[in-house]
N, C-alpha and C. Protein backbone atom coordinates (compact mmCIF):
# COMPACT_ATOMS: atom_id res chain seq x y z
N UNK A 1 -20.32 -15.55 -8.45
CA UNK A 1 -19.48 -14.69 -9.27
C UNK A 1 -18.06 -14.71 -8.71
N UNK A 2 -17.12 -14.58 -9.59
CA UNK A 2 -15.71 -14.62 -9.23
C UNK A 2 -14.97 -13.60 -10.10
N UNK A 3 -13.99 -12.95 -9.53
CA UNK A 3 -13.16 -11.99 -10.25
C UNK A 3 -13.95 -10.79 -10.79
N UNK A 4 -14.92 -10.32 -10.04
CA UNK A 4 -15.69 -9.12 -10.40
C UNK A 4 -14.89 -7.94 -9.85
N UNK A 5 -13.81 -7.60 -10.53
CA UNK A 5 -12.85 -6.62 -10.02
C UNK A 5 -13.46 -5.23 -9.84
N UNK A 6 -14.40 -4.85 -10.70
CA UNK A 6 -15.05 -3.55 -10.55
C UNK A 6 -15.79 -3.46 -9.23
N UNK A 7 -16.39 -4.55 -8.80
CA UNK A 7 -17.10 -4.59 -7.52
C UNK A 7 -16.12 -4.47 -6.36
N UNK A 8 -14.96 -5.08 -6.49
CA UNK A 8 -13.98 -5.06 -5.42
C UNK A 8 -13.33 -3.69 -5.26
N UNK A 9 -13.21 -2.95 -6.36
CA UNK A 9 -12.56 -1.64 -6.28
C UNK A 9 -13.56 -0.50 -6.09
N UNK A 10 -14.84 -0.72 -6.39
CA UNK A 10 -15.86 0.31 -6.25
C UNK A 10 -17.19 -0.31 -5.82
N UNK A 11 -17.26 -0.84 -4.61
CA UNK A 11 -18.46 -1.55 -4.18
C UNK A 11 -19.74 -0.71 -4.27
N UNK A 12 -19.71 0.51 -3.79
CA UNK A 12 -20.95 1.30 -3.82
C UNK A 12 -21.32 1.68 -5.25
N UNK A 13 -20.34 1.93 -6.10
CA UNK A 13 -20.62 2.26 -7.48
C UNK A 13 -21.14 1.10 -8.30
N UNK A 14 -20.85 -0.12 -7.88
CA UNK A 14 -21.28 -1.33 -8.60
C UNK A 14 -22.47 -2.02 -7.95
N UNK A 15 -22.92 -1.55 -6.79
CA UNK A 15 -23.96 -2.26 -6.03
C UNK A 15 -25.25 -2.44 -6.83
N UNK A 16 -25.70 -1.42 -7.52
CA UNK A 16 -26.95 -1.52 -8.29
C UNK A 16 -26.80 -2.53 -9.43
N UNK A 17 -25.67 -2.49 -10.12
CA UNK A 17 -25.42 -3.44 -11.21
C UNK A 17 -25.35 -4.87 -10.67
N UNK A 18 -24.66 -5.02 -9.55
CA UNK A 18 -24.53 -6.33 -8.90
C UNK A 18 -25.91 -6.89 -8.56
N UNK A 19 -26.76 -6.07 -7.97
CA UNK A 19 -28.12 -6.50 -7.62
C UNK A 19 -28.91 -6.85 -8.88
N UNK A 20 -28.77 -6.04 -9.93
CA UNK A 20 -29.49 -6.30 -11.18
C UNK A 20 -29.06 -7.63 -11.80
N UNK A 21 -27.77 -7.94 -11.73
CA UNK A 21 -27.30 -9.23 -12.25
C UNK A 21 -27.94 -10.37 -11.47
N UNK A 22 -28.04 -10.21 -10.14
CA UNK A 22 -28.64 -11.27 -9.33
C UNK A 22 -30.14 -11.37 -9.55
N UNK A 23 -30.79 -10.28 -9.92
CA UNK A 23 -32.22 -10.35 -10.29
C UNK A 23 -32.35 -11.25 -11.52
N UNK A 24 -31.48 -11.05 -12.51
CA UNK A 24 -31.52 -11.86 -13.74
C UNK A 24 -31.17 -13.32 -13.47
N UNK A 25 -30.15 -13.55 -12.67
CA UNK A 25 -29.74 -14.92 -12.35
C UNK A 25 -30.86 -15.63 -11.59
N UNK A 26 -31.42 -14.93 -10.61
CA UNK A 26 -32.52 -15.52 -9.84
C UNK A 26 -33.69 -15.91 -10.72
N UNK A 27 -34.08 -15.02 -11.62
CA UNK A 27 -35.18 -15.33 -12.54
C UNK A 27 -34.85 -16.53 -13.41
N UNK A 28 -33.64 -16.57 -13.93
CA UNK A 28 -33.24 -17.66 -14.83
C UNK A 28 -33.27 -19.02 -14.14
N UNK A 29 -32.93 -19.06 -12.85
CA UNK A 29 -32.82 -20.34 -12.15
C UNK A 29 -33.93 -20.57 -11.13
N UNK A 30 -35.01 -19.81 -11.20
CA UNK A 30 -36.06 -19.94 -10.19
C UNK A 30 -36.71 -21.32 -10.16
N UNK A 31 -36.68 -22.05 -11.26
CA UNK A 31 -37.26 -23.39 -11.29
C UNK A 31 -36.23 -24.50 -11.21
N UNK A 32 -35.00 -24.13 -10.89
CA UNK A 32 -33.94 -25.14 -10.74
C UNK A 32 -34.23 -26.00 -9.51
N UNK A 33 -33.70 -27.20 -9.48
CA UNK A 33 -33.92 -28.05 -8.30
C UNK A 33 -33.38 -27.38 -7.02
N UNK A 34 -33.92 -27.75 -5.87
CA UNK A 34 -33.46 -27.17 -4.61
C UNK A 34 -31.98 -27.42 -4.33
N UNK A 35 -31.38 -28.39 -5.00
CA UNK A 35 -29.95 -28.67 -4.80
C UNK A 35 -29.07 -27.57 -5.39
N UNK A 36 -29.63 -26.70 -6.22
CA UNK A 36 -28.88 -25.59 -6.78
C UNK A 36 -28.87 -24.45 -5.78
N UNK A 37 -27.69 -23.99 -5.43
CA UNK A 37 -27.57 -22.85 -4.52
C UNK A 37 -26.80 -21.75 -5.23
N UNK A 38 -26.87 -20.56 -4.66
CA UNK A 38 -26.16 -19.40 -5.22
C UNK A 38 -25.09 -18.95 -4.24
N UNK A 39 -23.99 -18.45 -4.76
CA UNK A 39 -22.98 -17.76 -3.96
C UNK A 39 -22.87 -16.38 -4.57
N UNK A 40 -23.27 -15.36 -3.83
CA UNK A 40 -23.37 -14.02 -4.40
C UNK A 40 -22.06 -13.53 -5.00
N UNK A 41 -20.98 -13.62 -4.23
CA UNK A 41 -19.68 -13.19 -4.75
C UNK A 41 -18.59 -13.98 -4.05
N UNK A 42 -17.67 -14.51 -4.81
CA UNK A 42 -16.57 -15.29 -4.26
C UNK A 42 -15.40 -14.38 -3.90
N UNK A 43 -14.91 -14.55 -2.71
CA UNK A 43 -13.70 -13.90 -2.22
C UNK A 43 -13.71 -12.37 -2.32
N UNK A 44 -14.68 -11.70 -1.67
CA UNK A 44 -14.63 -10.24 -1.64
C UNK A 44 -13.31 -9.77 -1.04
N UNK A 45 -12.78 -8.69 -1.58
CA UNK A 45 -11.51 -8.15 -1.08
C UNK A 45 -11.37 -6.70 -1.53
N UNK A 46 -10.21 -6.15 -1.35
CA UNK A 46 -9.88 -4.78 -1.72
C UNK A 46 -10.82 -3.83 -0.96
N UNK A 47 -11.60 -3.03 -1.64
CA UNK A 47 -12.47 -2.06 -0.97
C UNK A 47 -13.82 -2.65 -0.59
N UNK A 48 -14.06 -3.90 -0.93
CA UNK A 48 -15.30 -4.60 -0.57
C UNK A 48 -15.02 -5.33 0.73
N UNK A 49 -15.31 -4.67 1.84
CA UNK A 49 -14.94 -5.20 3.14
C UNK A 49 -16.07 -5.22 4.14
N UNK A 50 -15.69 -5.41 5.38
CA UNK A 50 -16.65 -5.56 6.46
C UNK A 50 -17.56 -4.34 6.59
N UNK A 51 -17.06 -3.16 6.28
CA UNK A 51 -17.84 -1.94 6.45
C UNK A 51 -18.94 -1.76 5.41
N UNK A 52 -18.85 -2.44 4.27
CA UNK A 52 -19.88 -2.29 3.25
C UNK A 52 -20.45 -3.62 2.76
N UNK A 53 -20.11 -4.70 3.43
CA UNK A 53 -20.52 -6.03 2.99
C UNK A 53 -22.04 -6.16 2.89
N UNK A 54 -22.76 -5.81 3.94
CA UNK A 54 -24.22 -5.93 3.91
C UNK A 54 -24.86 -4.90 3.00
N UNK A 55 -24.29 -3.72 2.93
CA UNK A 55 -24.87 -2.67 2.07
C UNK A 55 -24.84 -3.08 0.60
N UNK A 56 -23.85 -3.86 0.21
CA UNK A 56 -23.73 -4.28 -1.18
C UNK A 56 -24.42 -5.63 -1.41
N UNK A 57 -24.21 -6.59 -0.52
CA UNK A 57 -24.81 -7.90 -0.72
C UNK A 57 -26.30 -7.93 -0.37
N UNK A 58 -26.74 -7.06 0.54
CA UNK A 58 -28.15 -7.04 0.93
C UNK A 58 -29.10 -6.82 -0.24
N UNK A 59 -28.89 -5.78 -1.06
CA UNK A 59 -29.78 -5.60 -2.22
C UNK A 59 -29.72 -6.76 -3.22
N UNK A 60 -28.55 -7.35 -3.40
CA UNK A 60 -28.44 -8.50 -4.31
C UNK A 60 -29.23 -9.68 -3.75
N UNK A 61 -29.11 -9.91 -2.45
CA UNK A 61 -29.88 -10.98 -1.81
C UNK A 61 -31.38 -10.71 -1.94
N UNK A 62 -31.79 -9.47 -1.77
CA UNK A 62 -33.21 -9.12 -1.91
C UNK A 62 -33.72 -9.43 -3.32
N UNK A 63 -32.88 -9.18 -4.31
CA UNK A 63 -33.27 -9.50 -5.69
C UNK A 63 -33.40 -11.01 -5.89
N UNK A 64 -32.50 -11.77 -5.31
CA UNK A 64 -32.61 -13.23 -5.38
C UNK A 64 -33.91 -13.69 -4.72
N UNK A 65 -34.23 -13.11 -3.58
CA UNK A 65 -35.42 -13.53 -2.82
C UNK A 65 -36.73 -13.24 -3.55
N UNK A 66 -36.73 -12.30 -4.49
CA UNK A 66 -37.95 -12.02 -5.25
C UNK A 66 -38.40 -13.25 -6.03
N UNK A 67 -37.47 -14.02 -6.56
CA UNK A 67 -37.81 -15.19 -7.36
C UNK A 67 -37.43 -16.52 -6.71
N UNK A 68 -36.62 -16.46 -5.68
CA UNK A 68 -36.12 -17.68 -5.01
C UNK A 68 -36.20 -17.47 -3.49
N UNK A 69 -37.39 -17.47 -2.92
CA UNK A 69 -37.52 -17.10 -1.51
C UNK A 69 -36.86 -18.05 -0.52
N UNK A 70 -36.65 -19.30 -0.92
CA UNK A 70 -36.06 -20.25 0.04
C UNK A 70 -34.79 -20.93 -0.51
N UNK A 71 -34.28 -20.45 -1.61
CA UNK A 71 -33.05 -21.06 -2.16
C UNK A 71 -31.87 -20.74 -1.25
N UNK A 72 -30.99 -21.70 -1.05
CA UNK A 72 -29.78 -21.48 -0.27
C UNK A 72 -28.88 -20.49 -0.99
N UNK A 73 -28.44 -19.49 -0.23
CA UNK A 73 -27.51 -18.49 -0.76
C UNK A 73 -26.29 -18.46 0.16
N UNK A 74 -25.13 -18.67 -0.43
CA UNK A 74 -23.87 -18.71 0.29
C UNK A 74 -23.31 -17.28 0.34
N UNK A 75 -22.88 -16.87 1.54
CA UNK A 75 -22.36 -15.52 1.75
C UNK A 75 -20.91 -15.60 2.21
N UNK A 76 -20.02 -14.98 1.44
CA UNK A 76 -18.60 -14.92 1.79
C UNK A 76 -18.33 -13.70 2.66
N UNK A 77 -17.38 -13.84 3.57
CA UNK A 77 -16.87 -12.69 4.29
C UNK A 77 -15.79 -12.02 3.47
N UNK A 78 -15.33 -10.84 3.88
CA UNK A 78 -14.31 -10.12 3.12
C UNK A 78 -12.93 -10.74 3.28
N UNK A 79 -11.94 -10.07 2.72
CA UNK A 79 -10.53 -10.47 2.82
C UNK A 79 -10.32 -11.87 2.26
N UNK A 80 -10.87 -12.10 1.07
CA UNK A 80 -10.69 -13.36 0.36
C UNK A 80 -11.40 -14.52 1.04
N UNK A 81 -12.45 -14.26 1.80
CA UNK A 81 -13.26 -15.28 2.45
C UNK A 81 -12.50 -16.04 3.53
N UNK A 82 -11.66 -15.33 4.24
CA UNK A 82 -10.90 -15.95 5.32
C UNK A 82 -11.77 -16.34 6.50
N UNK A 83 -11.31 -17.30 7.26
CA UNK A 83 -12.06 -17.78 8.42
C UNK A 83 -12.30 -16.67 9.43
N UNK A 84 -11.27 -15.98 9.85
CA UNK A 84 -11.45 -14.95 10.88
C UNK A 84 -12.36 -13.83 10.40
N UNK A 85 -12.31 -13.52 9.12
CA UNK A 85 -13.18 -12.49 8.57
C UNK A 85 -14.64 -12.95 8.58
N UNK A 86 -14.87 -14.23 8.27
CA UNK A 86 -16.24 -14.75 8.33
C UNK A 86 -16.79 -14.65 9.75
N UNK A 87 -15.93 -14.93 10.72
CA UNK A 87 -16.38 -14.95 12.11
C UNK A 87 -16.68 -13.55 12.65
N UNK A 88 -16.14 -12.53 12.04
CA UNK A 88 -16.30 -11.17 12.57
C UNK A 88 -17.09 -10.25 11.65
N UNK A 89 -17.64 -10.77 10.58
CA UNK A 89 -18.39 -9.94 9.63
C UNK A 89 -19.88 -9.96 9.96
N UNK A 90 -20.57 -8.88 9.59
CA UNK A 90 -22.03 -8.90 9.74
C UNK A 90 -22.62 -9.92 8.77
N UNK A 91 -23.77 -10.45 9.13
CA UNK A 91 -24.38 -11.50 8.33
C UNK A 91 -25.85 -11.18 8.13
N UNK A 92 -26.40 -11.43 6.94
CA UNK A 92 -27.81 -11.13 6.70
C UNK A 92 -28.73 -11.91 7.64
N UNK A 93 -29.82 -11.30 8.01
CA UNK A 93 -30.85 -11.96 8.82
C UNK A 93 -31.78 -12.70 7.86
N UNK A 94 -31.36 -13.87 7.43
CA UNK A 94 -32.06 -14.64 6.42
C UNK A 94 -31.79 -16.12 6.71
N UNK A 95 -32.84 -16.85 6.99
CA UNK A 95 -32.71 -18.25 7.40
C UNK A 95 -32.13 -19.15 6.32
N UNK A 96 -32.14 -18.70 5.08
CA UNK A 96 -31.68 -19.55 3.98
C UNK A 96 -30.31 -19.14 3.45
N UNK A 97 -29.58 -18.39 4.25
CA UNK A 97 -28.21 -18.04 3.88
C UNK A 97 -27.23 -18.87 4.70
N UNK A 98 -26.09 -19.13 4.11
CA UNK A 98 -25.06 -19.95 4.73
C UNK A 98 -23.73 -19.20 4.64
N UNK A 99 -23.02 -19.03 5.76
CA UNK A 99 -21.70 -18.40 5.69
C UNK A 99 -20.69 -19.37 5.09
N UNK A 100 -19.67 -18.82 4.48
CA UNK A 100 -18.62 -19.66 3.93
C UNK A 100 -17.25 -19.06 4.23
N UNK A 101 -16.25 -19.91 4.26
CA UNK A 101 -14.86 -19.46 4.36
C UNK A 101 -13.98 -20.41 3.56
N UNK A 102 -12.79 -19.93 3.24
CA UNK A 102 -11.79 -20.73 2.54
C UNK A 102 -10.66 -21.03 3.52
N UNK A 103 -10.15 -22.23 3.46
CA UNK A 103 -9.20 -22.67 4.48
C UNK A 103 -8.00 -23.38 3.85
N UNK A 104 -6.84 -22.74 3.98
CA UNK A 104 -5.59 -23.30 3.46
C UNK A 104 -4.50 -23.25 4.53
N UNK A 105 -4.86 -23.61 5.73
CA UNK A 105 -3.89 -23.52 6.83
C UNK A 105 -3.26 -24.87 7.09
N UNK A 106 -2.00 -24.84 7.49
CA UNK A 106 -1.14 -23.67 7.60
C UNK A 106 -0.76 -23.16 6.22
N UNK A 107 -0.82 -21.84 6.07
CA UNK A 107 -0.68 -21.24 4.75
C UNK A 107 0.67 -21.56 4.09
N UNK A 108 1.71 -21.71 4.85
CA UNK A 108 3.00 -22.03 4.24
C UNK A 108 3.01 -23.40 3.59
N UNK A 109 2.12 -24.27 4.01
CA UNK A 109 2.01 -25.57 3.35
C UNK A 109 0.92 -25.55 2.30
N UNK A 110 -0.21 -24.94 2.65
CA UNK A 110 -1.36 -24.96 1.75
C UNK A 110 -1.17 -24.20 0.47
N UNK A 111 -0.45 -23.09 0.52
CA UNK A 111 -0.33 -22.24 -0.66
C UNK A 111 1.10 -21.87 -1.02
N UNK A 112 2.07 -22.55 -0.48
CA UNK A 112 3.45 -22.12 -0.67
C UNK A 112 3.91 -22.11 -2.12
N UNK A 113 3.35 -22.92 -2.97
CA UNK A 113 3.79 -22.98 -4.35
C UNK A 113 2.89 -22.15 -5.28
N UNK A 114 1.92 -21.44 -4.72
CA UNK A 114 1.03 -20.61 -5.53
C UNK A 114 1.79 -19.40 -6.05
N UNK A 115 1.53 -19.05 -7.30
CA UNK A 115 2.23 -17.94 -7.95
C UNK A 115 2.04 -16.62 -7.20
N UNK A 116 0.89 -16.44 -6.56
CA UNK A 116 0.58 -15.16 -5.92
C UNK A 116 1.09 -15.08 -4.48
N UNK A 117 1.68 -16.12 -3.96
CA UNK A 117 2.20 -16.13 -2.59
C UNK A 117 3.72 -16.15 -2.62
N UNK A 118 4.34 -15.69 -1.53
CA UNK A 118 5.78 -15.75 -1.46
C UNK A 118 6.24 -16.08 -0.04
N UNK A 119 5.64 -17.08 0.61
CA UNK A 119 6.18 -17.49 1.91
C UNK A 119 7.30 -18.50 1.72
N UNK A 120 8.05 -18.78 2.77
CA UNK A 120 9.07 -19.83 2.66
C UNK A 120 8.41 -21.17 2.32
N UNK A 121 9.08 -21.97 1.55
CA UNK A 121 8.54 -23.28 1.17
C UNK A 121 8.68 -24.25 2.33
N UNK A 122 7.62 -25.00 2.55
CA UNK A 122 7.63 -26.02 3.60
C UNK A 122 7.34 -27.38 2.99
N UNK A 123 7.96 -28.37 3.52
CA UNK A 123 7.66 -29.75 3.13
C UNK A 123 7.46 -30.62 4.36
N UNK A 124 7.07 -29.99 5.44
CA UNK A 124 7.01 -30.73 6.69
C UNK A 124 5.64 -30.66 7.37
N UNK A 125 4.56 -30.62 6.61
CA UNK A 125 3.26 -30.54 7.24
C UNK A 125 3.09 -31.71 8.22
N UNK A 126 2.44 -31.39 9.33
CA UNK A 126 2.18 -32.41 10.33
C UNK A 126 2.90 -32.13 11.63
N UNK A 127 3.47 -30.94 11.76
CA UNK A 127 4.15 -30.60 13.00
C UNK A 127 3.11 -30.38 14.10
N UNK A 128 3.57 -30.37 15.33
CA UNK A 128 2.70 -30.08 16.46
C UNK A 128 2.03 -28.72 16.30
N UNK A 129 2.79 -27.76 15.83
CA UNK A 129 2.25 -26.41 15.62
C UNK A 129 1.16 -26.41 14.56
N UNK A 130 1.32 -27.20 13.50
CA UNK A 130 0.29 -27.30 12.46
C UNK A 130 -1.03 -27.81 13.04
N UNK A 131 -0.94 -28.89 13.78
CA UNK A 131 -2.16 -29.47 14.35
C UNK A 131 -2.77 -28.56 15.41
N UNK A 132 -1.96 -27.84 16.13
CA UNK A 132 -2.48 -26.89 17.12
C UNK A 132 -3.23 -25.77 16.42
N UNK A 133 -2.69 -25.28 15.30
CA UNK A 133 -3.37 -24.22 14.53
C UNK A 133 -4.72 -24.71 14.02
N UNK A 134 -4.74 -25.88 13.45
CA UNK A 134 -5.99 -26.44 12.92
C UNK A 134 -6.99 -26.66 14.05
N UNK A 135 -6.54 -27.16 15.17
CA UNK A 135 -7.42 -27.38 16.32
C UNK A 135 -8.01 -26.07 16.82
N UNK A 136 -7.19 -25.03 16.90
CA UNK A 136 -7.70 -23.70 17.31
C UNK A 136 -8.74 -23.19 16.33
N UNK A 137 -8.49 -23.36 15.05
CA UNK A 137 -9.44 -22.89 14.04
C UNK A 137 -10.75 -23.66 14.11
N UNK A 138 -10.68 -24.97 14.29
CA UNK A 138 -11.91 -25.76 14.43
C UNK A 138 -12.70 -25.35 15.67
N UNK A 139 -11.99 -25.00 16.74
CA UNK A 139 -12.67 -24.54 17.96
C UNK A 139 -13.39 -23.22 17.70
N UNK A 140 -12.79 -22.35 16.89
CA UNK A 140 -13.45 -21.09 16.53
C UNK A 140 -14.74 -21.36 15.76
N UNK A 141 -14.68 -22.28 14.81
CA UNK A 141 -15.87 -22.61 14.02
C UNK A 141 -16.95 -23.22 14.90
N UNK A 142 -16.55 -24.14 15.77
CA UNK A 142 -17.51 -24.77 16.68
C UNK A 142 -18.18 -23.73 17.57
N UNK A 143 -17.41 -22.79 18.10
CA UNK A 143 -17.97 -21.74 18.95
C UNK A 143 -18.92 -20.85 18.15
N UNK A 144 -18.58 -20.56 16.91
CA UNK A 144 -19.44 -19.73 16.08
C UNK A 144 -20.76 -20.44 15.78
N UNK A 145 -20.71 -21.73 15.52
CA UNK A 145 -21.94 -22.50 15.29
C UNK A 145 -22.82 -22.44 16.54
N UNK A 146 -22.21 -22.63 17.70
CA UNK A 146 -22.98 -22.58 18.95
C UNK A 146 -23.59 -21.20 19.17
N UNK A 147 -22.85 -20.16 18.81
CA UNK A 147 -23.33 -18.78 19.01
C UNK A 147 -24.42 -18.38 18.03
N UNK A 148 -24.27 -18.78 16.75
CA UNK A 148 -25.17 -18.30 15.71
C UNK A 148 -26.20 -19.32 15.23
N UNK A 149 -25.90 -20.61 15.45
CA UNK A 149 -26.78 -21.65 14.92
C UNK A 149 -26.56 -21.90 13.43
N UNK A 150 -25.61 -21.24 12.84
CA UNK A 150 -25.33 -21.40 11.41
C UNK A 150 -24.11 -22.30 11.22
N UNK A 151 -24.26 -23.30 10.38
CA UNK A 151 -23.15 -24.19 10.07
C UNK A 151 -22.51 -23.68 8.77
N UNK A 152 -21.25 -23.26 8.82
CA UNK A 152 -20.64 -22.71 7.61
C UNK A 152 -20.28 -23.78 6.60
N UNK A 153 -20.18 -23.33 5.38
CA UNK A 153 -19.74 -24.14 4.25
C UNK A 153 -18.28 -23.82 4.00
N UNK A 154 -17.43 -24.82 3.96
CA UNK A 154 -16.02 -24.60 3.65
C UNK A 154 -15.91 -24.66 2.13
N UNK A 155 -15.88 -23.49 1.51
CA UNK A 155 -15.94 -23.39 0.06
C UNK A 155 -14.67 -23.84 -0.65
N UNK A 156 -13.54 -23.64 -0.02
CA UNK A 156 -12.26 -24.10 -0.56
C UNK A 156 -11.41 -24.54 0.62
N UNK A 157 -10.61 -25.56 0.40
CA UNK A 157 -9.67 -26.00 1.43
C UNK A 157 -8.61 -26.89 0.80
N UNK A 158 -7.54 -27.08 1.53
CA UNK A 158 -6.55 -28.05 1.10
C UNK A 158 -5.18 -27.46 0.88
N UNK A 159 -4.43 -28.16 0.05
CA UNK A 159 -3.08 -27.75 -0.31
C UNK A 159 -3.08 -27.41 -1.79
N UNK A 160 -2.20 -26.53 -2.17
CA UNK A 160 -2.15 -26.07 -3.55
C UNK A 160 -1.85 -27.22 -4.51
N UNK A 161 -2.44 -27.16 -5.69
CA UNK A 161 -2.36 -28.25 -6.66
C UNK A 161 -0.95 -28.54 -7.16
N UNK A 162 -0.03 -27.60 -7.04
CA UNK A 162 1.34 -27.86 -7.50
C UNK A 162 2.17 -28.62 -6.47
N UNK A 163 1.62 -28.80 -5.28
CA UNK A 163 2.30 -29.61 -4.28
C UNK A 163 2.08 -31.08 -4.67
N UNK A 164 3.10 -31.89 -4.64
CA UNK A 164 2.93 -33.31 -5.05
C UNK A 164 1.79 -33.98 -4.30
N UNK A 165 1.07 -34.81 -5.01
CA UNK A 165 -0.10 -35.47 -4.44
C UNK A 165 0.24 -36.25 -3.18
N UNK A 166 1.36 -36.91 -3.15
CA UNK A 166 1.74 -37.67 -1.95
C UNK A 166 1.82 -36.80 -0.71
N UNK A 167 2.18 -35.52 -0.89
CA UNK A 167 2.27 -34.61 0.25
C UNK A 167 0.90 -34.07 0.67
N UNK A 168 -0.09 -34.15 -0.22
CA UNK A 168 -1.42 -33.62 0.06
C UNK A 168 -2.33 -34.64 0.72
N UNK A 169 -1.93 -35.89 0.79
CA UNK A 169 -2.79 -36.93 1.37
C UNK A 169 -2.78 -36.91 2.87
């Protein structure tokens, strides 16, 4: 699911509806091939944060498990599925769940032309600082894999589509 604004502004008030939707989705796709996975909610944000993430996603996951006990379910962390948020968020105790994060670093290059962002425009990706940032982030992911045994899914990454293709290669 994406852009479920009612869930983002009132997580506890929408939790039952959210779980009920996942009960229906799970039933509908229970015979789908194993290559089909679910992502409960894309880019949680606003009032849907670390303090209520499991309380809201847990019941939805339980509904999925009623009809899909071993289907892969992707779990986003709060704050738009950022890397640091994924690393510090609680995670369901479920062997068939996979954490995910979105990665557009360095943000001034990855998203500088996006309508919703307003950082200074950069056209110089590839600086020493850029590679140091990416290296630090990869080290965080590697450490998290070693700590948890879970290999995350990078759900989104790259540079914004309005940046010329030659600059994105």
